[in-house]
Amino acid sequence: MYKVSSLTRTAAREKATSATLLLEGPSIIKAVILAVIGAYFIYAGLIYFGALSVGIAVIIFTRKEGIELALTTRQYRLFTTALGFRVGDWDIIPATQHITMKYFSDLVTSGKPGRIRTDRDKRYIVMFSVSNSSQGSMIYETEKYATALKLTRFLAEALNVDAKLYDKM
């Protein structure tokens, strides 16, 4: 599901110029379900609904999320790709001391009186720790430890800085 791509190196220089990490792959189960529903609609004579359902299944099957770094211009973007098109805004990479991964956990209470429930909301945040600042620049938030860890290590390696992990363990 998760793929770490190697750093792209130019032939003239040994220094990396760009790097890409896929964070989330396609939802194959959803795509297959929609394709089967679309095939049934087409079989039942509802061609427009069937074609729409199969088209959405193809988009879902080709959809991926990731992060791309342009190291020569010191920019990054979180992107979503579908059907080969990448969409995402470029941001500038701040002067970074290290990459930080932090674990947060909250208890969230919701419901009506008599049926109140308390749930644990956990998340991992990956951020640039900015030089000479008490605050960082948040990059990504996820509930998956493995995704946050891979992103932290990837960014630290690509930017040649240390990774600091503040997780629940």
Protein backbone atom coordinates (compact mmCIF):
# COMPACT_ATOMS: atom_id res chain seq x y z
CA MET A 1 0.00 0.00 0.00
CA TYR A 2 2.78 2.44 0.82
CA LYS A 3 5.65 3.00 -1.53
CA VAL A 4 8.82 4.91 -0.82
CA SER A 5 10.41 5.99 -4.03
CA SER A 6 14.11 6.49 -4.27
CA LEU A 7 15.55 9.96 -4.61
CA THR A 8 15.85 11.08 -8.22
CA ARG A 9 19.46 11.85 -9.03
CA THR A 10 20.76 13.69 -12.08
CA ALA A 11 23.65 12.32 -14.10
CA ALA A 12 25.69 15.54 -13.79
CA ARG A 13 25.38 15.79 -10.00
CA GLU A 14 25.13 13.29 -7.20
CA LYS A 15 22.85 15.60 -5.23
CA ALA A 16 19.14 14.78 -5.27
CA THR A 17 16.95 17.25 -7.17
CA SER A 18 13.50 15.83 -6.42
CA ALA A 19 11.83 13.14 -4.35
CA THR A 20 8.36 11.61 -4.19
CA LEU A 21 6.62 9.49 -1.56
CA LEU A 22 3.21 7.85 -2.04
CA LEU A 23 1.27 8.03 1.22
CA GLU A 24 -2.00 6.34 0.24
CA GLY A 25 -2.76 4.03 -2.61
CA PRO A 26 -6.05 3.43 -4.39
CA SER A 27 -9.09 2.00 -2.65
CA ILE A 28 -9.35 -1.19 -4.66
CA ILE A 29 -12.34 -2.59 -2.78
CA LYS A 30 -14.44 0.54 -3.39
CA ALA A 31 -13.42 0.59 -7.05
CA VAL A 32 -14.38 -3.07 -7.56
CA ILE A 33 -17.76 -2.58 -5.84
CA LEU A 34 -18.55 0.44 -8.03
CA ALA A 35 -17.43 -1.42 -11.17
CA VAL A 36 -19.69 -4.37 -10.34
CA ILE A 37 -22.63 -2.03 -9.67
CA GLY A 38 -21.89 -0.25 -12.96
CA ALA A 39 -21.82 -3.54 -14.85
CA TYR A 40 -25.17 -4.48 -13.31
CA PHE A 41 -26.68 -1.12 -14.31
CA ILE A 42 -25.46 -1.60 -17.88
CA TYR A 43 -26.86 -5.16 -17.91
CA ALA A 44 -30.20 -3.82 -16.59
CA GLY A 45 -30.34 -1.24 -19.39
CA LEU A 46 -29.45 1.81 -17.27
CA ILE A 47 -26.51 2.73 -19.48
CA TYR A 48 -25.94 6.26 -18.14
CA PHE A 49 -25.86 5.15 -14.50
CA GLY A 50 -23.67 2.20 -15.43
CA ALA A 51 -21.20 4.33 -17.36
CA LEU A 52 -21.09 6.89 -14.53
CA SER A 53 -20.48 4.16 -11.94
CA VAL A 54 -17.70 2.53 -14.01
CA GLY A 55 -16.13 5.96 -14.65
CA ILE A 56 -16.06 6.75 -10.92
CA ALA A 57 -14.60 3.28 -10.27
CA VAL A 58 -11.74 4.01 -12.70
CA ILE A 59 -11.03 7.34 -10.99
CA ILE A 60 -11.04 5.72 -7.53
CA PHE A 61 -8.80 2.89 -8.79
CA THR A 62 -6.19 5.33 -10.13
CA ARG A 63 -6.32 7.76 -7.16
CA LYS A 64 -3.22 8.11 -4.98
CA GLU A 65 -1.99 10.63 -2.41
CA GLY A 66 1.59 11.62 -1.75
CA ILE A 67 4.19 14.29 -1.20
CA GLU A 68 6.62 15.64 -3.76
CA LEU A 69 9.78 17.62 -3.03
CA ALA A 70 11.60 19.93 -5.43
CA LEU A 71 14.91 20.20 -3.61
CA THR A 72 16.57 22.67 -5.98
CA THR A 73 13.81 25.25 -5.45
CA ARG A 74 13.17 24.20 -1.80
CA GLN A 75 9.45 23.53 -2.39
CA TYR A 76 7.05 20.71 -1.50
CA ARG A 77 3.48 19.79 -2.24
CA LEU A 78 0.96 17.29 -0.99
CA PHE A 79 -0.72 15.93 -4.09
CA THR A 80 -3.58 13.76 -5.20
CA THR A 81 -3.28 11.98 -8.51
CA ALA A 82 -6.04 10.38 -10.55
CA LEU A 83 -5.94 9.24 -14.16
CA GLY A 84 -2.33 10.43 -14.33
CA PHE A 85 -3.06 14.04 -13.34
CA ARG A 86 -1.36 15.44 -10.22
CA VAL A 87 -3.11 18.17 -8.27
CA GLY A 88 -1.62 20.06 -5.32
CA ASP A 89 -0.28 23.48 -4.36
CA TRP A 90 3.44 24.09 -3.97
CA ASP A 91 4.68 25.54 -0.66
CA ILE A 92 8.14 26.68 0.33
CA ILE A 93 10.17 24.44 2.64
CA PRO A 94 11.11 26.61 5.65
CA ALA A 95 14.60 26.68 7.18
CA THR A 96 14.31 23.33 8.95
CA GLN A 97 16.28 22.10 11.96
CA HIS A 98 14.64 18.68 11.98
CA ILE A 99 11.45 16.82 11.06
CA THR A 100 9.16 16.12 14.00
CA MET A 101 6.49 13.44 14.36
CA LYS A 102 4.17 13.97 17.34
CA TYR A 103 1.42 11.78 18.72
CA PHE A 104 -1.74 13.42 20.05
CA SER A 105 -4.64 11.77 21.81
CA ASP A 106 -7.88 13.35 23.01
CA LEU A 107 -11.02 12.02 24.61
CA VAL A 108 -14.07 13.28 22.71
CA THR A 109 -17.49 13.10 24.33
CA SER A 110 -20.58 13.18 22.14
CA GLY A 111 -24.20 12.11 22.09
CA LYS A 112 -27.48 12.92 23.74
CA PRO A 113 -28.11 12.78 27.50
CA GLY A 114 -28.50 9.18 28.52
CA ARG A 115 -26.56 8.00 25.47
CA ILE A 116 -23.28 9.83 25.87
CA ARG A 117 -20.19 8.12 24.57
CA THR A 118 -16.53 8.95 24.91
CA ASP A 119 -14.19 8.12 22.05
CA ARG A 120 -10.45 8.36 21.82
CA ASP A 121 -9.26 10.59 18.99
CA LYS A 122 -5.66 9.77 18.12
CA ARG A 123 -3.49 11.25 15.41
CA TYR A 124 0.09 11.69 14.34
CA ILE A 125 1.32 15.03 13.07
CA VAL A 126 4.42 15.43 10.92
CA MET A 127 5.96 18.89 10.88
CA PHE A 128 8.98 20.95 9.91
CA SER A 129 10.70 22.23 13.07
CA VAL A 130 11.63 25.75 12.05
CA SER A 131 14.97 27.23 13.07
CA ASN A 132 14.84 29.91 15.81
CA SER A 133 11.12 29.37 16.41
CA SER A 134 9.04 27.73 19.13
CA GLN A 135 6.47 26.71 16.52
CA GLY A 136 6.72 24.36 13.60
CA SER A 137 5.10 24.17 10.21
CA MET A 138 2.63 21.27 10.03
CA ILE A 139 2.89 19.10 6.91
CA TYR A 140 0.59 16.13 7.39
CA GLU A 141 -1.85 14.60 9.88
CA THR A 142 -2.89 10.94 9.93
CA GLU A 143 -4.21 8.23 12.23
CA LYS A 144 -1.75 5.66 10.86
CA TYR A 145 1.57 5.32 12.68
CA ALA A 146 3.32 3.62 9.75
CA THR A 147 2.37 6.41 7.34
CA ALA A 148 3.57 9.14 9.70
CA LEU A 149 6.83 7.29 10.37
CA LYS A 150 7.57 6.72 6.67
CA LEU A 151 6.86 10.36 5.87
CA THR A 152 9.09 11.55 8.74
CA ARG A 153 11.99 9.34 7.68
CA PHE A 154 11.55 10.21 4.02
CA LEU A 155 11.61 13.97 4.68
CA ALA A 156 14.57 13.71 7.06
CA GLU A 157 16.59 11.74 4.50
CA ALA A 158 15.66 13.98 1.57
CA LEU A 159 16.38 17.23 3.45
CA ASN A 160 19.43 15.79 5.24
CA VAL A 161 18.17 16.67 8.74
CA ASP A 162 17.42 14.64 11.86
CA ALA A 163 14.04 13.05 12.58
CA LYS A 164 12.58 13.43 16.06
CA LEU A 165 9.79 11.09 17.10
CA TYR A 166 7.44 11.89 19.97
CA ASP A 167 5.10 8.94 19.79
CA LYS A 168 3.04 7.07 22.38
CA MET A 169 5.61 4.32 22.89
